[in-house]
């Protein structure tokens, strides 16, 4: 139950963040960094590198969580080997992508793919600790969270299709205000969507003690 809730909690927090930052990557980088010798082209290049990290951000978090699960079960040698192989795969994939001409995007792409493969390997090797295929409530929770993020995805796609270029003016208070307004609008949409889906977003940031162990609140009422 705790592993399931941890996986779902990470998804509920990181999926909307990934979606919003993916579509606002140029705006976010420009508002924060575009000043002085840091040009618009530099900001766009940084945003290009950022997007693959965002695509795989949930899997990166799941990978870290499952490693912690393995270490907590005293499988230190196995987890260490997996970390070594994951890093080796990361390097090999980056070399392949560089040879394919993907240039600077090779680094985040290789990193994300290696983490995703690592998640699959860990779920298989730790199936005695967490039998994923037998946890129907996990899949119900995944579906609920993904469905609840459709409105913010639609909002981001709509904004992206407007083709606005206000961020090109770089880092200034006006652009910061624009970015904050867009973020607040997206947050309101997310809160309404999560409320309808009965996902207690703010409770994910709190913990409580039960029986001496620090445990998170239940994420979704799956009954």
C-alpha atoms as a PDB file:
ATOM      1  CA  UNK A   1       0.000   0.000   0.000  1.00  0.00           C
ATOM      2  CA  UNK A   2       2.770   2.437   0.940  1.00  0.00           C
ATOM      3  CA  UNK A   3       4.731   1.737  -2.246  1.00  0.00           C
ATOM      4  CA  UNK A   4       1.598   2.231  -4.320  1.00  0.00           C
ATOM      5  CA  UNK A   5       0.763   5.500  -2.594  1.00  0.00           C
ATOM      6  CA  UNK A   6       4.343   6.705  -3.019  1.00  0.00           C
ATOM      7  CA  UNK A   7       4.294   5.945  -6.754  1.00  0.00           C
ATOM      8  CA  UNK A   8       0.928   7.657  -7.178  1.00  0.00           C
ATOM      9  CA  UNK A   9       1.938  10.641  -5.052  1.00  0.00           C
ATOM     10  CA  UNK A  10       5.012  11.248  -7.179  1.00  0.00           C
ATOM     11  CA  UNK A  11       2.930  11.004 -10.341  1.00  0.00           C
ATOM     12  CA  UNK A  12       0.259  13.367  -9.003  1.00  0.00           C
ATOM     13  CA  UNK A  13       2.869  15.980  -8.105  1.00  0.00           C
ATOM     14  CA  UNK A  14       5.307  15.638 -10.988  1.00  0.00           C
ATOM     15  CA  UNK A  15       3.030  14.995 -13.977  1.00  0.00           C
ATOM     16  CA  UNK A  16       1.324  18.423 -13.952  1.00  0.00           C
ATOM     17  CA  UNK A  17       4.656  20.092 -13.219  1.00  0.00           C
ATOM     18  CA  UNK A  18       6.245  18.307 -16.174  1.00  0.00           C
ATOM     19  CA  UNK A  19       3.392  19.232 -18.511  1.00  0.00           C
ATOM     20  CA  UNK A  20       3.395  22.893 -17.514  1.00  0.00           C
ATOM     21  CA  UNK A  21       7.174  23.314 -17.644  1.00  0.00           C
ATOM     22  CA  UNK A  22       7.394  21.418 -20.945  1.00  0.00           C
ATOM     23  CA  UNK A  23       5.071  23.851 -22.694  1.00  0.00           C
ATOM     24  CA  UNK A  24       6.458  26.886 -20.848  1.00  0.00           C
ATOM     25  CA  UNK A  25      10.107  25.884 -21.083  1.00  0.00           C
ATOM     26  CA  UNK A  26      11.118  28.769 -23.352  1.00  0.00           C
ATOM     27  CA  UNK A  27       9.165  31.283 -21.300  1.00  0.00           C
ATOM     28  CA  UNK A  28      10.518  30.010 -17.988  1.00  0.00           C
ATOM     29  CA  UNK A  29      14.143  29.972 -19.098  1.00  0.00           C
ATOM     30  CA  UNK A  30      13.902  33.377 -20.781  1.00  0.00           C
ATOM     31  CA  UNK A  31      12.270  35.056 -17.788  1.00  0.00           C
ATOM     32  CA  UNK A  32      14.791  33.612 -15.330  1.00  0.00           C
ATOM     33  CA  UNK A  33      18.034  33.649 -17.324  1.00  0.00           C
ATOM     34  CA  UNK A  34      17.809  35.844 -20.437  1.00  0.00           C
ATOM     35  CA  UNK A  35      19.811  38.904 -19.469  1.00  0.00           C
ATOM     36  CA  UNK A  36      23.237  40.321 -20.292  1.00  0.00           C
ATOM     37  CA  UNK A  37      25.292  37.979 -22.470  1.00  0.00           C
ATOM     38  CA  UNK A  38      22.682  35.219 -22.130  1.00  0.00           C
ATOM     39  CA  UNK A  39      20.784  35.685 -25.401  1.00  0.00           C
ATOM     40  CA  UNK A  40      17.410  34.490 -26.669  1.00  0.00           C
ATOM     41  CA  UNK A  41      19.170  31.766 -28.668  1.00  0.00           C
ATOM     42  CA  UNK A  42      20.870  30.545 -25.496  1.00  0.00           C
ATOM     43  CA  UNK A  43      17.503  30.466 -23.726  1.00  0.00           C
ATOM     44  CA  UNK A  44      15.926  28.440 -26.525  1.00  0.00           C
ATOM     45  CA  UNK A  45      18.826  25.976 -26.469  1.00  0.00           C
ATOM     46  CA  UNK A  46      18.489  25.565 -22.703  1.00  0.00           C
ATOM     47  CA  UNK A  47      14.747  24.980 -23.099  1.00  0.00           C
ATOM     48  CA  UNK A  48      15.452  22.370 -25.768  1.00  0.00           C
ATOM     49  CA  UNK A  49      17.701  20.463 -23.358  1.00  0.00           C
ATOM     50  CA  UNK A  50      15.214  20.849 -20.511  1.00  0.00           C
ATOM     51  CA  UNK A  51      12.261  19.234 -22.313  1.00  0.00           C
ATOM     52  CA  UNK A  52      13.587  15.632 -22.423  1.00  0.00           C
ATOM     53  CA  UNK A  53      14.336  15.828 -18.699  1.00  0.00           C
ATOM     54  CA  UNK A  54      10.720  16.850 -18.117  1.00  0.00           C
ATOM     55  CA  UNK A  55       9.372  14.003 -20.251  1.00  0.00           C
ATOM     56  CA  UNK A  56      11.174  11.454 -18.080  1.00  0.00           C
ATOM     57  CA  UNK A  57      10.928  13.269 -14.732  1.00  0.00           C
ATOM     58  CA  UNK A  58       8.304  10.904 -13.297  1.00  0.00           C
ATOM     59  CA  UNK A  59      10.355   7.843 -14.235  1.00  0.00           C
ATOM     60  CA  UNK A  60      13.466   9.375 -12.673  1.00  0.00           C
ATOM     61  CA  UNK A  61      11.577   9.857  -9.410  1.00  0.00           C
ATOM     62  CA  UNK A  62      10.136   6.336  -9.543  1.00  0.00           C
ATOM     63  CA  UNK A  63      13.629   4.956 -10.125  1.00  0.00           C
ATOM     64  CA  UNK A  64      14.923   6.665  -6.982  1.00  0.00           C
ATOM     65  CA  UNK A  65      11.915   5.433  -4.991  1.00  0.00           C
ATOM     66  CA  UNK A  66      12.341   1.815  -6.083  1.00  0.00           C
ATOM     67  CA  UNK A  67      16.055   1.945  -5.306  1.00  0.00           C
ATOM     68  CA  UNK A  68      15.151   3.069  -1.818  1.00  0.00           C
ATOM     69  CA  UNK A  69      12.703   0.166  -1.553  1.00  0.00           C
ATOM     70  CA  UNK A  70      15.457  -2.265  -2.498  1.00  0.00           C
ATOM     71  CA  UNK A  71      17.963  -0.776  -0.089  1.00  0.00           C
ATOM     72  CA  UNK A  72      15.390  -0.848   2.719  1.00  0.00           C
ATOM     73  CA  UNK A  73      15.069  -4.603   2.127  1.00  0.00           C
ATOM     74  CA  UNK A  74      18.847  -4.982   2.616  1.00  0.00           C
ATOM     75  CA  UNK A  75      19.491  -5.773  -1.056  1.00  0.00           C
ATOM     76  CA  UNK A  76      22.445  -3.446  -1.137  1.00  0.00           C
ATOM     77  CA  UNK A  77      24.621  -5.438  -3.539  1.00  0.00           C
ATOM     78  CA  UNK A  78      21.803  -5.845  -6.062  1.00  0.00           C
ATOM     79  CA  UNK A  79      20.869  -2.158  -5.939  1.00  0.00           C
ATOM     80  CA  UNK A  80      24.504  -1.135  -6.348  1.00  0.00           C
ATOM     81  CA  UNK A  81      24.844  -3.334  -9.441  1.00  0.00           C
ATOM     82  CA  UNK A  82      21.668  -1.852 -10.900  1.00  0.00           C
ATOM     83  CA  UNK A  83      22.939   1.693 -10.333  1.00  0.00           C
ATOM     84  CA  UNK A  84      26.238   0.803 -12.014  1.00  0.00           C
ATOM     85  CA  UNK A  85      24.495  -0.759 -15.018  1.00  0.00           C
ATOM     86  CA  UNK A  86      22.069   2.156 -15.295  1.00  0.00           C
ATOM     87  CA  UNK A  87      24.942   4.631 -15.415  1.00  0.00           C
ATOM     88  CA  UNK A  88      26.783   2.481 -17.944  1.00  0.00           C
ATOM     89  CA  UNK A  89      23.660   2.319 -20.115  1.00  0.00           C
ATOM     90  CA  UNK A  90      23.319   6.091 -19.807  1.00  0.00           C
ATOM     91  CA  UNK A  91      26.847   6.576 -21.160  1.00  0.00           C
ATOM     92  CA  UNK A  92      26.382   4.085 -24.011  1.00  0.00           C
ATOM     93  CA  UNK A  93      23.057   5.618 -25.074  1.00  0.00           C
ATOM     94  CA  UNK A  94      24.538   9.107 -24.984  1.00  0.00           C
ATOM     95  CA  UNK A  95      27.398   7.968 -27.229  1.00  0.00           C
ATOM     96  CA  UNK A  96      24.927   6.386 -29.665  1.00  0.00           C
ATOM     97  CA  UNK A  97      22.722   9.487 -29.771  1.00  0.00           C
ATOM     98  CA  UNK A  98      25.750  11.711 -30.342  1.00  0.00           C
ATOM     99  CA  UNK A  99      26.753   9.498 -33.262  1.00  0.00           C
ATOM    100  CA  UNK A 100      23.205   9.845 -34.601  1.00  0.00           C
ATOM    101  CA  UNK A 101      23.592  13.614 -34.615  1.00  0.00           C
ATOM    102  CA  UNK A 102      21.299  14.509 -31.717  1.00  0.00           C
ATOM    103  CA  UNK A 103      23.985  16.779 -30.249  1.00  0.00           C
ATOM    104  CA  UNK A 104      23.231  18.317 -26.844  1.00  0.00           C
ATOM    105  CA  UNK A 105      19.841  16.598 -26.539  1.00  0.00           C
ATOM    106  CA  UNK A 106      21.717  13.288 -26.295  1.00  0.00           C
ATOM    107  CA  UNK A 107      22.494  13.857 -22.606  1.00  0.00           C
ATOM    108  CA  UNK A 108      18.934  14.255 -21.229  1.00  0.00           C
ATOM    109  CA  UNK A 109      17.499  11.721 -23.666  1.00  0.00           C
ATOM    110  CA  UNK A 110      19.998   9.017 -22.694  1.00  0.00           C
ATOM    111  CA  UNK A 111      19.527   9.838 -19.029  1.00  0.00           C
ATOM    112  CA  UNK A 112      15.743   9.568 -19.211  1.00  0.00           C
ATOM    113  CA  UNK A 113      15.715   6.333 -21.197  1.00  0.00           C
ATOM    114  CA  UNK A 114      18.215   4.689 -18.841  1.00  0.00           C
ATOM    115  CA  UNK A 115      16.082   5.672 -15.835  1.00  0.00           C
ATOM    116  CA  UNK A 116      12.947   4.305 -17.502  1.00  0.00           C
ATOM    117  CA  UNK A 117      14.645   0.988 -18.240  1.00  0.00           C
ATOM    118  CA  UNK A 118      15.924   0.999 -14.663  1.00  0.00           C
ATOM    119  CA  UNK A 119      12.359   1.347 -13.375  1.00  0.00           C
ATOM    120  CA  UNK A 120      11.255  -1.667 -15.430  1.00  0.00           C
ATOM    121  CA  UNK A 121      14.189  -3.751 -14.185  1.00  0.00           C
ATOM    122  CA  UNK A 122      13.570  -2.782 -10.553  1.00  0.00           C
ATOM    123  CA  UNK A 123       9.861  -3.553 -10.763  1.00  0.00           C
ATOM    124  CA  UNK A 124      10.739  -7.013 -12.080  1.00  0.00           C
ATOM    125  CA  UNK A 125      13.489  -7.755  -9.548  1.00  0.00           C
ATOM    126  CA  UNK A 126      11.506  -6.410  -6.591  1.00  0.00           C
ATOM    127  CA  UNK A 127       8.219  -8.073  -7.499  1.00  0.00           C
ATOM    128  CA  UNK A 128       8.328 -10.063  -4.263  1.00  0.00           C
ATOM    129  CA  UNK A 129       8.353  -6.779  -2.341  1.00  0.00           C
ATOM    130  CA  UNK A 130       5.834  -5.048  -4.580  1.00  0.00           C
ATOM    131  CA  UNK A 131       3.845  -7.247  -7.013  1.00  0.00           C
ATOM    132  CA  UNK A 132       2.950  -4.561  -9.542  1.00  0.00           C
ATOM    133  CA  UNK A 133       0.915  -6.783 -11.845  1.00  0.00           C
ATOM    134  CA  UNK A 134      -1.363  -7.835  -8.984  1.00  0.00           C
ATOM    135  CA  UNK A 135      -2.086  -4.305  -7.761  1.00  0.00           C
ATOM    136  CA  UNK A 136      -5.270  -3.318  -9.576  1.00  0.00           C
ATOM    137  CA  UNK A 137      -5.640  -0.229  -7.394  1.00  0.00           C
ATOM    138  CA  UNK A 138      -2.350   1.136  -8.714  1.00  0.00           C
ATOM    139  CA  UNK A 139      -3.605   1.009 -12.286  1.00  0.00           C
ATOM    140  CA  UNK A 140      -6.880   2.613 -11.249  1.00  0.00           C
ATOM    141  CA  UNK A 141      -4.925   5.367  -9.519  1.00  0.00           C
ATOM    142  CA  UNK A 142      -2.676   5.867 -12.550  1.00  0.00           C
ATOM    143  CA  UNK A 143      -5.700   6.201 -14.815  1.00  0.00           C
ATOM    144  CA  UNK A 144      -7.370   8.654 -12.421  1.00  0.00           C
ATOM    145  CA  UNK A 145      -4.306  10.899 -12.174  1.00  0.00           C
ATOM    146  CA  UNK A 146      -3.596  10.869 -15.907  1.00  0.00           C
ATOM    147  CA  UNK A 147      -7.231  11.686 -16.660  1.00  0.00           C
ATOM    148  CA  UNK A 148      -7.177  14.512 -14.094  1.00  0.00           C
ATOM    149  CA  UNK A 149      -4.217  16.062 -15.925  1.00  0.00           C
ATOM    150  CA  UNK A 150      -6.010  16.255 -19.278  1.00  0.00           C
ATOM    151  CA  UNK A 151      -7.445  19.742 -18.536  1.00  0.00           C
ATOM    152  CA  UNK A 152      -4.038  21.263 -17.763  1.00  0.00           C
ATOM    153  CA  UNK A 153      -2.621  19.554 -20.858  1.00  0.00           C
ATOM    154  CA  UNK A 154      -5.424  21.077 -22.942  1.00  0.00           C
ATOM    155  CA  UNK A 155      -4.729  24.492 -21.390  1.00  0.00           C
ATOM    156  CA  UNK A 156      -1.022  24.229 -22.203  1.00  0.00           C
ATOM    157  CA  UNK A 157      -1.667  23.094 -25.778  1.00  0.00           C
ATOM    158  CA  UNK A 158      -4.108  25.989 -26.249  1.00  0.00           C
ATOM    159  CA  UNK A 159      -1.551  28.470 -24.932  1.00  0.00           C
ATOM    160  CA  UNK A 160       1.211  26.986 -27.088  1.00  0.00           C
ATOM    161  CA  UNK A 161      -0.940  27.255 -30.216  1.00  0.00           C
ATOM    162  CA  UNK A 162      -1.433  30.990 -29.602  1.00  0.00           C
ATOM    163  CA  UNK A 163       2.191  31.465 -30.649  1.00  0.00           C
ATOM    164  CA  UNK A 164       2.840  34.326 -28.228  1.00  0.00           C
ATOM    165  CA  UNK A 165       6.334  35.828 -28.221  1.00  0.00           C
ATOM    166  CA  UNK A 166       6.298  38.021 -25.104  1.00  0.00           C
ATOM    167  CA  UNK A 167       9.093  35.976 -23.539  1.00  0.00           C
ATOM    168  CA  UNK A 168      11.545  37.065 -26.226  1.00  0.00           C
ATOM    169  CA  UNK A 169      11.991  40.389 -24.426  1.00  0.00           C
ATOM    170  CA  UNK A 170      13.932  38.503 -21.772  1.00  0.00           C
ATOM    171  CA  UNK A 171      14.123  38.830 -18.023  1.00  0.00           C
ATOM    172  CA  UNK A 172      12.024  41.718 -16.699  1.00  0.00           C
ATOM    173  CA  UNK A 173       9.230  42.308 -14.205  1.00  0.00           C
ATOM    174  CA  UNK A 174       6.498  42.442 -16.849  1.00  0.00           C
ATOM    175  CA  UNK A 175       7.458  39.041 -18.244  1.00  0.00           C
ATOM    176  CA  UNK A 176       7.710  37.631 -14.737  1.00  0.00           C
ATOM    177  CA  UNK A 177       4.169  38.853 -14.087  1.00  0.00           C
ATOM    178  CA  UNK A 178       2.949  37.193 -17.305  1.00  0.00           C
ATOM    179  CA  UNK A 179       4.590  33.921 -16.319  1.00  0.00           C
ATOM    180  CA  UNK A 180       3.116  34.056 -12.812  1.00  0.00           C
ATOM    181  CA  UNK A 181      -0.378  34.732 -14.208  1.00  0.00           C
ATOM    182  CA  UNK A 182      -0.126  31.747 -16.550  1.00  0.00           C
ATOM    183  CA  UNK A 183       1.114  29.591 -13.687  1.00  0.00           C
ATOM    184  CA  UNK A 184      -1.730  30.695 -11.402  1.00  0.00           C
ATOM    185  CA  UNK A 185      -4.287  29.968 -14.128  1.00  0.00           C
ATOM    186  CA  UNK A 186      -2.797  26.504 -14.648  1.00  0.00           C
ATOM    187  CA  UNK A 187      -2.787  25.867 -10.888  1.00  0.00           C
ATOM    188  CA  UNK A 188      -6.470  26.814 -10.610  1.00  0.00           C
ATOM    189  CA  UNK A 189      -7.333  24.424 -13.427  1.00  0.00           C
ATOM    190  CA  UNK A 190      -5.295  21.677 -11.765  1.00  0.00           C
ATOM    191  CA  UNK A 191      -6.902  22.219  -8.357  1.00  0.00           C
ATOM    192  CA  UNK A 192     -10.404  22.047  -9.827  1.00  0.00           C
ATOM    193  CA  UNK A 193      -9.525  18.948 -11.827  1.00  0.00           C
ATOM    194  CA  UNK A 194      -7.917  17.201  -8.853  1.00  0.00           C
ATOM    195  CA  UNK A 195     -10.856  18.131  -6.632  1.00  0.00           C
ATOM    196  CA  UNK A 196     -13.246  16.550  -9.135  1.00  0.00           C
ATOM    197  CA  UNK A 197     -11.040  13.437  -9.227  1.00  0.00           C
ATOM    198  CA  UNK A 198     -10.806  13.405  -5.401  1.00  0.00           C
ATOM    199  CA  UNK A 199      -7.031  13.757  -5.425  1.00  0.00           C
ATOM    200  CA  UNK A 200      -5.942  15.689  -2.295  1.00  0.00           C
ATOM    201  CA  UNK A 201      -3.064  17.616  -3.837  1.00  0.00           C
ATOM    202  CA  UNK A 202      -1.992  19.588  -0.765  1.00  0.00           C
ATOM    203  CA  UNK A 203      -2.086  16.558   1.535  1.00  0.00           C
ATOM    204  CA  UNK A 204       0.677  15.007  -0.573  1.00  0.00           C
ATOM    205  CA  UNK A 205       3.024  17.568   0.943  1.00  0.00           C
ATOM    206  CA  UNK A 206       2.155  16.530   4.490  1.00  0.00           C
ATOM    207  CA  UNK A 207       3.055  13.429   6.497  1.00  0.00           C
ATOM    208  CA  UNK A 208       1.702  11.949   9.672  1.00  0.00           C
ATOM    209  CA  UNK A 209       2.841   9.340  12.140  1.00  0.00           C
ATOM    210  CA  UNK A 210       1.066   6.049  12.539  1.00  0.00           C
ATOM    211  CA  UNK A 211       2.381   3.388  14.861  1.00  0.00           C
ATOM    212  CA  UNK A 212       5.795   5.018  15.080  1.00  0.00           C
ATOM    213  CA  UNK A 213       6.377   5.055  11.318  1.00  0.00           C
ATOM    214  CA  UNK A 214       6.271   8.169   9.199  1.00  0.00           C
ATOM    215  CA  UNK A 215       3.691   7.534   6.496  1.00  0.00           C
ATOM    216  CA  UNK A 216       1.956   9.600   3.847  1.00  0.00           C
ATOM    217  CA  UNK A 217      -1.771  10.190   3.630  1.00  0.00           C
ATOM    218  CA  UNK A 218      -3.760   8.022   1.270  1.00  0.00           C
ATOM    219  CA  UNK A 219      -3.662   9.623  -2.135  1.00  0.00           C
ATOM    220  CA  UNK A 220      -6.963   8.648  -3.702  1.00  0.00           C
ATOM    221  CA  UNK A 221     -10.098   7.026  -2.381  1.00  0.00           C
ATOM    222  CA  UNK A 222     -10.035   3.909  -4.519  1.00  0.00           C
ATOM    223  CA  UNK A 223     -12.876   2.108  -2.800  1.00  0.00           C
END
